[in-house]
Amino acid sequence: MSKRRKNPPVPQDCPCGLAAYTDCCGRLHRGDVQAATAEQLMRSRFSAFAMHDEAYLLRSWDPSTRPADVDFDPAMRWERLDILGGSGGGPFHTEGTVEFRAHYRVHGAAGELHENSRFRRDNGAWVYLDGVIEP
């Protein structure tokens, strides 16, 4: 028997911090629209991690680096995303980077992930390629 993962409830505010979830990353998660920029994809992937949306994460991952599945830590709660910078990644680019800091809590203890992520277009759609964890 397979163990089903329970997704967190749909939030009012988008985990990425920009707007209401249904009008922000929810549109990308549902497949209504595609990310227009690497930053928009980064924000939607952060929200997907916060919501345990494995299907979206795998769909938005470059086929050459995509894992078989996403292992969510049930004790981890993603709380806030700070975009620190980037290069390329615009509507007319084919590659881009986004540097971010993602804040989380595990068993009540605060933590953060600082990464410089690389993105590229795959058949016209932005996908996450890989990232370098920064100290």
Protein backbone atom coordinates (compact mmCIF):
# COMPACT_ATOMS: atom_id res chain seq x y z
CA MET A 1 0.00 0.00 0.00
CA SER A 2 1.39 3.44 -0.90
CA LYS A 3 1.40 6.22 1.63
CA ARG A 4 -0.46 9.32 0.37
CA ARG A 5 0.98 12.69 1.22
CA LYS A 6 -1.43 15.21 2.57
CA ASN A 7 -1.14 18.62 0.92
CA PRO A 8 -1.46 21.69 3.13
CA PRO A 9 -4.73 23.62 2.69
CA VAL A 10 -4.86 26.23 -0.08
CA PRO A 11 -3.72 29.51 1.48
CA GLN A 12 -5.41 32.89 1.09
CA ASP A 13 -2.08 34.68 0.57
CA CYS A 14 0.47 33.23 -1.83
CA PRO A 15 3.49 31.69 -0.08
CA CYS A 16 5.76 33.65 -2.48
CA GLY A 17 4.53 36.87 -0.86
CA LEU A 18 3.19 38.78 -3.87
CA ALA A 19 -0.60 38.41 -3.99
CA ALA A 20 -3.55 36.14 -3.30
CA TYR A 21 -2.59 32.52 -4.07
CA THR A 22 -5.35 31.92 -6.63
CA ASP A 23 -4.26 35.00 -8.64
CA CYS A 24 -0.51 34.43 -8.19
CA CYS A 25 1.29 31.07 -8.15
CA GLY A 26 -2.01 29.18 -8.09
CA ARG A 27 -2.48 30.05 -11.78
CA LEU A 28 0.85 28.39 -12.62
CA HIS A 29 0.22 25.39 -10.36
CA ARG A 30 -3.15 24.78 -12.03
CA GLY A 31 -1.56 25.08 -15.49
CA ASP A 32 -3.64 28.13 -16.48
CA VAL A 33 -0.46 30.03 -17.47
CA GLN A 34 3.28 29.43 -17.77
CA ALA A 35 5.94 31.45 -15.99
CA ALA A 36 6.96 34.45 -18.11
CA THR A 37 10.31 34.88 -16.30
CA ALA A 38 12.80 32.79 -14.34
CA GLU A 39 11.90 34.75 -11.19
CA GLN A 40 8.22 33.97 -11.64
CA LEU A 41 9.08 30.28 -11.97
CA MET A 42 11.28 30.50 -8.85
CA ARG A 43 8.44 32.05 -6.88
CA SER A 44 5.97 29.42 -8.09
CA ARG A 45 8.39 26.62 -7.18
CA PHE A 46 8.85 28.05 -3.67
CA SER A 47 5.06 28.10 -3.31
CA ALA A 48 4.87 24.54 -4.63
CA PHE A 49 7.37 23.41 -1.99
CA ALA A 50 5.31 25.20 0.67
CA MET A 51 2.16 23.44 -0.59
CA HIS A 52 3.78 20.04 -1.27
CA ASP A 53 2.77 20.22 -4.93
CA GLU A 54 5.04 17.48 -6.24
CA ALA A 55 3.40 17.34 -9.68
CA TYR A 56 4.15 21.02 -10.35
CA LEU A 57 7.71 20.78 -9.05
CA LEU A 58 8.48 17.81 -11.31
CA ARG A 59 6.74 19.46 -14.29
CA SER A 60 8.82 22.63 -13.84
CA TRP A 61 12.15 20.79 -13.41
CA ASP A 62 14.57 20.37 -16.33
CA PRO A 63 14.29 16.80 -17.66
CA SER A 64 18.10 16.38 -17.48
CA THR A 65 18.23 17.04 -13.70
CA ARG A 66 14.70 16.09 -12.57
CA PRO A 67 14.55 13.55 -9.73
CA ALA A 68 12.08 10.67 -9.74
CA ASP A 69 10.14 12.25 -6.89
CA VAL A 70 10.27 15.02 -4.31
CA ASP A 71 10.83 14.05 -0.69
CA PHE A 72 8.98 16.57 1.48
CA ASP A 73 9.93 16.82 5.14
CA PRO A 74 6.57 16.88 6.96
CA ALA A 75 8.15 18.88 9.82
CA MET A 76 9.41 21.65 7.50
CA ARG A 77 7.26 24.74 6.93
CA TRP A 78 8.41 27.19 4.26
CA GLU A 79 7.56 30.69 5.53
CA ARG A 80 9.01 33.44 3.35
CA LEU A 81 10.93 34.01 0.13
CA ASP A 82 13.38 36.85 -0.49
CA ILE A 83 14.61 37.38 -4.05
CA LEU A 84 18.14 38.79 -3.80
CA GLY A 85 19.02 39.21 -7.47
CA GLY A 86 19.50 37.47 -10.77
CA SER A 87 20.62 37.71 -14.35
CA GLY A 88 18.85 37.08 -17.63
CA GLY A 89 15.65 35.12 -17.15
CA GLY A 90 13.39 37.66 -18.83
CA PRO A 91 10.62 37.08 -21.37
CA PHE A 92 13.11 37.21 -24.26
CA HIS A 93 15.96 35.22 -22.65
CA THR A 94 16.65 31.51 -22.91
CA GLU A 95 18.65 31.24 -19.66
CA GLY A 96 18.68 32.99 -16.33
CA THR A 97 19.67 32.87 -12.70
CA VAL A 98 17.80 33.81 -9.55
CA GLU A 99 19.49 34.26 -6.19
CA PHE A 100 17.10 33.81 -3.29
CA ARG A 101 16.83 33.19 0.41
CA ALA A 102 14.01 30.90 1.53
CA HIS A 103 13.05 30.97 5.20
CA TYR A 104 11.61 27.93 6.95
CA ARG A 105 10.91 26.32 10.33
CA VAL A 106 11.60 22.74 11.35
CA HIS A 107 10.25 21.63 14.74
CA GLY A 108 9.96 25.32 15.66
CA ALA A 109 13.59 26.18 14.83
CA ALA A 110 14.15 28.85 12.16
CA GLY A 111 16.39 28.18 9.19
CA GLU A 112 17.11 29.50 5.74
CA LEU A 113 18.24 28.24 2.37
CA HIS A 114 20.38 30.63 0.31
CA GLU A 115 20.72 29.46 -3.29
CA ASN A 116 21.70 30.77 -6.69
CA SER A 117 19.46 28.82 -9.09
CA ARG A 118 19.88 28.34 -12.83
CA PHE A 119 16.92 28.22 -15.20
CA ARG A 120 16.56 27.61 -18.92
CA ARG A 121 13.81 27.28 -21.45
CA ASP A 122 12.67 23.80 -22.45
CA ASN A 123 10.32 23.82 -25.45
CA GLY A 124 9.60 27.48 -24.68
CA ALA A 125 8.79 26.99 -20.97
CA TRP A 126 11.02 28.06 -18.09
CA VAL A 127 12.38 25.12 -16.08
CA TYR A 128 14.64 24.82 -13.04
CA LEU A 129 18.03 23.37 -14.03
CA ASP A 130 20.06 23.35 -10.81
CA GLY A 131 21.38 25.55 -8.05
CA VAL A 132 24.38 26.33 -5.91
CA ILE A 133 23.78 26.52 -2.17
CA GLU A 134 25.41 29.65 -0.78
CA PRO A 135 26.74 29.99 2.78
